[in-house]
Amino acid sequence: MFSKPIPAEFGIEGLFFRFQRHFVYWKRLANGDIGIVTILHESMHQVERFKDDFFN
């Protein structure tokens, strides 16, 4: 699996990849660890859900 940059309209720097019917959004943390931001099913409205998960 290869990660791609998160689209600019999401308003956060990071990467994502697709696994089966899900999208996994992640970013590298300041200490070098990997942080999973959210995992969304392909049927979910991604932009709004992503913002809800990340900013809450």
PDB file of N, CA and C in Angstrom:
ATOM      1  N   MET A   1       0.836  -1.185   0.000  1.00  0.00           N
ATOM      2  CA  MET A   1       0.000   0.000   0.000  1.00  0.00           C
ATOM      3  C   MET A   1       0.877   1.243   0.000  1.00  0.00           C
ATOM      4  N   PHE A   2       0.477   2.189  -0.804  1.00  0.00           N
ATOM      5  CA  PHE A   2       1.199   3.445  -0.877  1.00  0.00           C
ATOM      6  C   PHE A   2       0.295   4.565  -0.401  1.00  0.00           C
ATOM      7  N   SER A   3       0.853   5.454   0.389  1.00  0.00           N
ATOM      8  CA  SER A   3       0.084   6.594   0.899  1.00  0.00           C
ATOM      9  C   SER A   3       0.186   7.767  -0.061  1.00  0.00           C
ATOM     10  N   LYS A   4      -0.886   8.569  -0.065  1.00  0.00           N
ATOM     11  CA  LYS A   4      -0.938   9.789  -0.861  1.00  0.00           C
ATOM     12  C   LYS A   4      -1.176  10.952   0.091  1.00  0.00           C
ATOM     13  N   PRO A   5      -0.794  12.171  -0.309  1.00  0.00           N
ATOM     14  CA  PRO A   5      -1.061  13.328   0.549  1.00  0.00           C
ATOM     15  C   PRO A   5      -2.564  13.534   0.741  1.00  0.00           C
ATOM     16  N   ILE A   6      -2.945  13.969   1.941  1.00  0.00           N
ATOM     17  CA  ILE A   6      -4.339  14.310   2.211  1.00  0.00           C
ATOM     18  C   ILE A   6      -4.687  15.538   1.371  1.00  0.00           C
ATOM     19  N   PRO A   7      -5.831  15.535   0.683  1.00  0.00           N
ATOM     20  CA  PRO A   7      -6.220  16.683  -0.145  1.00  0.00           C
ATOM     21  C   PRO A   7      -6.274  17.983   0.661  1.00  0.00           C
ATOM     22  N   ALA A   8      -5.921  19.076   0.026  1.00  0.00           N
ATOM     23  CA  ALA A   8      -5.839  20.385   0.691  1.00  0.00           C
ATOM     24  C   ALA A   8      -7.139  20.806   1.347  1.00  0.00           C
ATOM     25  N   GLU A   9      -8.293  20.413   0.783  1.00  0.00           N
ATOM     26  CA  GLU A   9      -9.574  20.851   1.352  1.00  0.00           C
ATOM     27  C   GLU A   9      -9.837  20.272   2.739  1.00  0.00           C
ATOM     28  N   PHE A  10      -9.055  19.287   3.152  1.00  0.00           N
ATOM     29  CA  PHE A  10      -9.204  18.736   4.491  1.00  0.00           C
ATOM     30  C   PHE A  10      -8.577  19.651   5.537  1.00  0.00           C
ATOM     31  N   GLY A  11      -7.670  20.519   5.119  1.00  0.00           N
ATOM     32  CA  GLY A  11      -7.089  21.495   6.028  1.00  0.00           C
ATOM     33  C   GLY A  11      -6.070  20.938   7.007  1.00  0.00           C
ATOM     34  N   ILE A  12      -5.476  19.800   6.707  1.00  0.00           N
ATOM     35  CA  ILE A  12      -4.468  19.217   7.589  1.00  0.00           C
ATOM     36  C   ILE A  12      -3.423  18.499   6.748  1.00  0.00           C
ATOM     37  N   GLU A  13      -2.177  18.587   7.159  1.00  0.00           N
ATOM     38  CA  GLU A  13      -1.129  17.875   6.445  1.00  0.00           C
ATOM     39  C   GLU A  13      -1.077  16.441   6.947  1.00  0.00           C
ATOM     40  N   GLY A  14      -0.903  15.533   6.043  1.00  0.00           N
ATOM     41  CA  GLY A  14      -0.805  14.128   6.399  1.00  0.00           C
ATOM     42  C   GLY A  14      -0.948  13.283   5.152  1.00  0.00           C
ATOM     43  N   LEU A  15      -1.161  12.011   5.357  1.00  0.00           N
ATOM     44  CA  LEU A  15      -1.241  11.058   4.258  1.00  0.00           C
ATOM     45  C   LEU A  15      -2.448  10.156   4.449  1.00  0.00           C
ATOM     46  N   PHE A  16      -2.834   9.464   3.374  1.00  0.00           N
ATOM     47  CA  PHE A  16      -3.913   8.486   3.481  1.00  0.00           C
ATOM     48  C   PHE A  16      -3.662   7.354   2.508  1.00  0.00           C
ATOM     49  N   PHE A  17      -4.293   6.226   2.790  1.00  0.00           N
ATOM     50  CA  PHE A  17      -4.288   5.105   1.861  1.00  0.00           C
ATOM     51  C   PHE A  17      -5.619   4.386   1.973  1.00  0.00           C
ATOM     52  N   ARG A  18      -5.932   3.639   0.938  1.00  0.00           N
ATOM     53  CA  ARG A  18      -7.168   2.871   0.920  1.00  0.00           C
ATOM     54  C   ARG A  18      -6.843   1.422   1.256  1.00  0.00           C
ATOM     55  N   PHE A  19      -7.656   0.824   2.128  1.00  0.00           N
ATOM     56  CA  PHE A  19      -7.551  -0.593   2.456  1.00  0.00           C
ATOM     57  C   PHE A  19      -8.943  -1.188   2.344  1.00  0.00           C
ATOM     58  N   GLN A  20      -9.115  -2.057   1.380  1.00  0.00           N
ATOM     59  CA  GLN A  20     -10.414  -2.644   1.072  1.00  0.00           C
ATOM     60  C   GLN A  20     -11.419  -1.518   0.830  1.00  0.00           C
ATOM     61  N   ARG A  21     -12.421  -1.352   1.671  1.00  0.00           N
ATOM     62  CA  ARG A  21     -13.443  -0.320   1.458  1.00  0.00           C
ATOM     63  C   ARG A  21     -13.303   0.839   2.448  1.00  0.00           C
ATOM     64  N   HIS A  22     -12.105   0.998   3.001  1.00  0.00           N
ATOM     65  CA  HIS A  22     -11.864   2.043   3.995  1.00  0.00           C
ATOM     66  C   HIS A  22     -10.697   2.932   3.564  1.00  0.00           C
ATOM     67  N   PHE A  23     -10.718   4.160   4.085  1.00  0.00           N
ATOM     68  CA  PHE A  23      -9.622   5.099   3.906  1.00  0.00           C
ATOM     69  C   PHE A  23      -8.998   5.336   5.279  1.00  0.00           C
ATOM     70  N   VAL A  24      -7.678   5.203   5.371  1.00  0.00           N
ATOM     71  CA  VAL A  24      -6.943   5.410   6.618  1.00  0.00           C
ATOM     72  C   VAL A  24      -6.149   6.704   6.459  1.00  0.00           C
ATOM     73  N   TYR A  25      -6.424   7.672   7.333  1.00  0.00           N
ATOM     74  CA  TYR A  25      -5.745   8.962   7.321  1.00  0.00           C
ATOM     75  C   TYR A  25      -4.766   8.995   8.490  1.00  0.00           C
ATOM     76  N   TRP A  26      -3.530   9.387   8.205  1.00  0.00           N
ATOM     77  CA  TRP A  26      -2.502   9.371   9.243  1.00  0.00           C
ATOM     78  C   TRP A  26      -1.527  10.517   9.036  1.00  0.00           C
ATOM     79  N   LYS A  27      -0.740  10.783  10.082  1.00  0.00           N
ATOM     80  CA  LYS A  27       0.336  11.766   9.971  1.00  0.00           C
ATOM     81  C   LYS A  27       1.462  11.373  10.916  1.00  0.00           C
ATOM     82  N   ARG A  28       2.636  11.874  10.598  1.00  0.00           N
ATOM     83  CA  ARG A  28       3.792  11.635  11.458  1.00  0.00           C
ATOM     84  C   ARG A  28       3.773  12.685  12.570  1.00  0.00           C
ATOM     85  N   LEU A  29       3.876  12.239  13.806  1.00  0.00           N
ATOM     86  CA  LEU A  29       3.849  13.133  14.962  1.00  0.00           C
ATOM     87  C   LEU A  29       5.225  13.745  15.203  1.00  0.00           C
ATOM     88  N   ALA A  30       5.267  14.775  16.029  1.00  0.00           N
ATOM     89  CA  ALA A  30       6.510  15.495  16.301  1.00  0.00           C
ATOM     90  C   ALA A  30       7.615  14.582  16.824  1.00  0.00           C
ATOM     91  N   ASN A  31       7.234  13.536  17.564  1.00  0.00           N
ATOM     92  CA  ASN A  31       8.245  12.632  18.127  1.00  0.00           C
ATOM     93  C   ASN A  31       8.639  11.514  17.154  1.00  0.00           C
ATOM     94  N   GLY A  32       8.086  11.565  15.914  1.00  0.00           N
ATOM     95  CA  GLY A  32       8.433  10.571  14.907  1.00  0.00           C
ATOM     96  C   GLY A  32       7.469   9.396  14.808  1.00  0.00           C
ATOM     97  N   ASP A  33       6.577   9.279  15.781  1.00  0.00           N
ATOM     98  CA  ASP A  33       5.579   8.206  15.733  1.00  0.00           C
ATOM     99  C   ASP A  33       4.562   8.470  14.630  1.00  0.00           C
ATOM    100  N   ILE A  34       3.817   7.436  14.270  1.00  0.00           N
ATOM    101  CA  ILE A  34       2.724   7.559  13.321  1.00  0.00           C
ATOM    102  C   ILE A  34       1.433   7.711  14.113  1.00  0.00           C
ATOM    103  N   GLY A  35       0.633   8.704  13.770  1.00  0.00           N
ATOM    104  CA  GLY A  35      -0.655   8.924  14.424  1.00  0.00           C
ATOM    105  C   GLY A  35      -1.784   8.692  13.432  1.00  0.00           C
ATOM    106  N   ILE A  36      -2.688   7.777  13.762  1.00  0.00           N
ATOM    107  CA  ILE A  36      -3.865   7.547  12.928  1.00  0.00           C
ATOM    108  C   ILE A  36      -4.875   8.638  13.257  1.00  0.00           C
ATOM    109  N   VAL A  37      -5.250   9.421  12.259  1.00  0.00           N
ATOM    110  CA  VAL A  37      -6.203  10.509  12.465  1.00  0.00           C
ATOM    111  C   VAL A  37      -7.617   9.958  12.461  1.00  0.00           C
ATOM    112  N   THR A  38      -7.948   9.175  11.451  1.00  0.00           N
ATOM    113  CA  THR A  38      -9.269   8.564  11.382  1.00  0.00           C
ATOM    114  C   THR A  38      -9.263   7.448  10.348  1.00  0.00           C
ATOM    115  N   ILE A  39     -10.234   6.559  10.451  1.00  0.00           N
ATOM    116  CA  ILE A  39     -10.462   5.503   9.476  1.00  0.00           C
ATOM    117  C   ILE A  39     -11.924   5.604   9.062  1.00  0.00           C
ATOM    118  N   LEU A  40     -12.165   5.799   7.763  1.00  0.00           N
ATOM    119  CA  LEU A  40     -13.519   6.018   7.267  1.00  0.00           C
ATOM    120  C   LEU A  40     -13.894   5.000   6.204  1.00  0.00           C
ATOM    121  N   HIS A  41     -15.121   4.536   6.261  1.00  0.00           N
ATOM    122  CA  HIS A  41     -15.657   3.675   5.204  1.00  0.00           C
ATOM    123  C   HIS A  41     -15.880   4.531   3.961  1.00  0.00           C
ATOM    124  N   GLU A  42     -15.744   3.935   2.788  1.00  0.00           N
ATOM    125  CA  GLU A  42     -15.864   4.684   1.541  1.00  0.00           C
ATOM    126  C   GLU A  42     -17.214   5.381   1.378  1.00  0.00           C
ATOM    127  N   SER A  43     -18.259   4.908   2.049  1.00  0.00           N
ATOM    128  CA  SER A  43     -19.588   5.505   1.896  1.00  0.00           C
ATOM    129  C   SER A  43     -19.797   6.745   2.767  1.00  0.00           C
ATOM    130  N   MET A  44     -18.881   7.033   3.675  1.00  0.00           N
ATOM    131  CA  MET A  44     -19.039   8.190   4.567  1.00  0.00           C
ATOM    132  C   MET A  44     -18.616   9.464   3.847  1.00  0.00           C
ATOM    133  N   HIS A  45     -19.253  10.584   4.199  1.00  0.00           N
ATOM    134  CA  HIS A  45     -18.866  11.876   3.630  1.00  0.00           C
ATOM    135  C   HIS A  45     -17.522  12.237   4.239  1.00  0.00           C
ATOM    136  N   GLN A  46     -16.470  12.093   3.491  1.00  0.00           N
ATOM    137  CA  GLN A  46     -15.133  12.138   4.048  1.00  0.00           C
ATOM    138  C   GLN A  46     -14.691  13.495   4.572  1.00  0.00           C
ATOM    139  N   VAL A  47     -14.942  14.572   3.844  1.00  0.00           N
ATOM    140  CA  VAL A  47     -14.434  15.869   4.282  1.00  0.00           C
ATOM    141  C   VAL A  47     -15.039  16.259   5.625  1.00  0.00           C
ATOM    142  N   GLU A  48     -16.352  16.210   5.764  1.00  0.00           N
ATOM    143  CA  GLU A  48     -16.984  16.612   7.016  1.00  0.00           C
ATOM    144  C   GLU A  48     -16.627  15.668   8.156  1.00  0.00           C
ATOM    145  N   ARG A  49     -16.645  14.388   7.906  1.00  0.00           N
ATOM    146  CA  ARG A  49     -16.326  13.411   8.955  1.00  0.00           C
ATOM    147  C   ARG A  49     -14.880  13.549   9.399  1.00  0.00           C
ATOM    148  N   PHE A  50     -13.991  13.740   8.450  1.00  0.00           N
ATOM    149  CA  PHE A  50     -12.577  13.904   8.765  1.00  0.00           C
ATOM    150  C   PHE A  50     -12.373  15.107   9.682  1.00  0.00           C
ATOM    151  N   LYS A  51     -12.994  16.228   9.350  1.00  0.00           N
ATOM    152  CA  LYS A  51     -12.860  17.434  10.187  1.00  0.00           C
ATOM    153  C   LYS A  51     -13.407  17.176  11.580  1.00  0.00           C
ATOM    154  N   ASP A  52     -14.550  16.477  11.680  1.00  0.00           N
ATOM    155  CA  ASP A  52     -15.126  16.158  12.990  1.00  0.00           C
ATOM    156  C   ASP A  52     -14.165  15.306  13.810  1.00  0.00           C
ATOM    157  N   ASP A  53     -13.602  14.270  13.208  1.00  0.00           N
ATOM    158  CA  ASP A  53     -12.692  13.377  13.915  1.00  0.00           C
ATOM    159  C   ASP A  53     -11.410  14.075  14.331  1.00  0.00           C
ATOM    160  N   PHE A  54     -10.873  14.899  13.464  1.00  0.00           N
ATOM    161  CA  PHE A  54      -9.577  15.511  13.745  1.00  0.00           C
ATOM    162  C   PHE A  54      -9.672  16.633  14.759  1.00  0.00           C
ATOM    163  N   PHE A  55     -10.693  17.465  14.669  1.00  0.00           N
ATOM    164  CA  PHE A  55     -10.749  18.667  15.498  1.00  0.00           C
ATOM    165  C   PHE A  55     -11.527  18.480  16.791  1.00  0.00           C
ATOM    166  N   ASN A  56     -12.077  17.309  17.051  1.00  0.00           N
ATOM    167  CA  ASN A  56     -12.800  17.062  18.308  1.00  0.00           C
ATOM    168  C   ASN A  56     -12.034  16.131  19.201  1.00  0.00           C
TER     169      ASN A  56
END
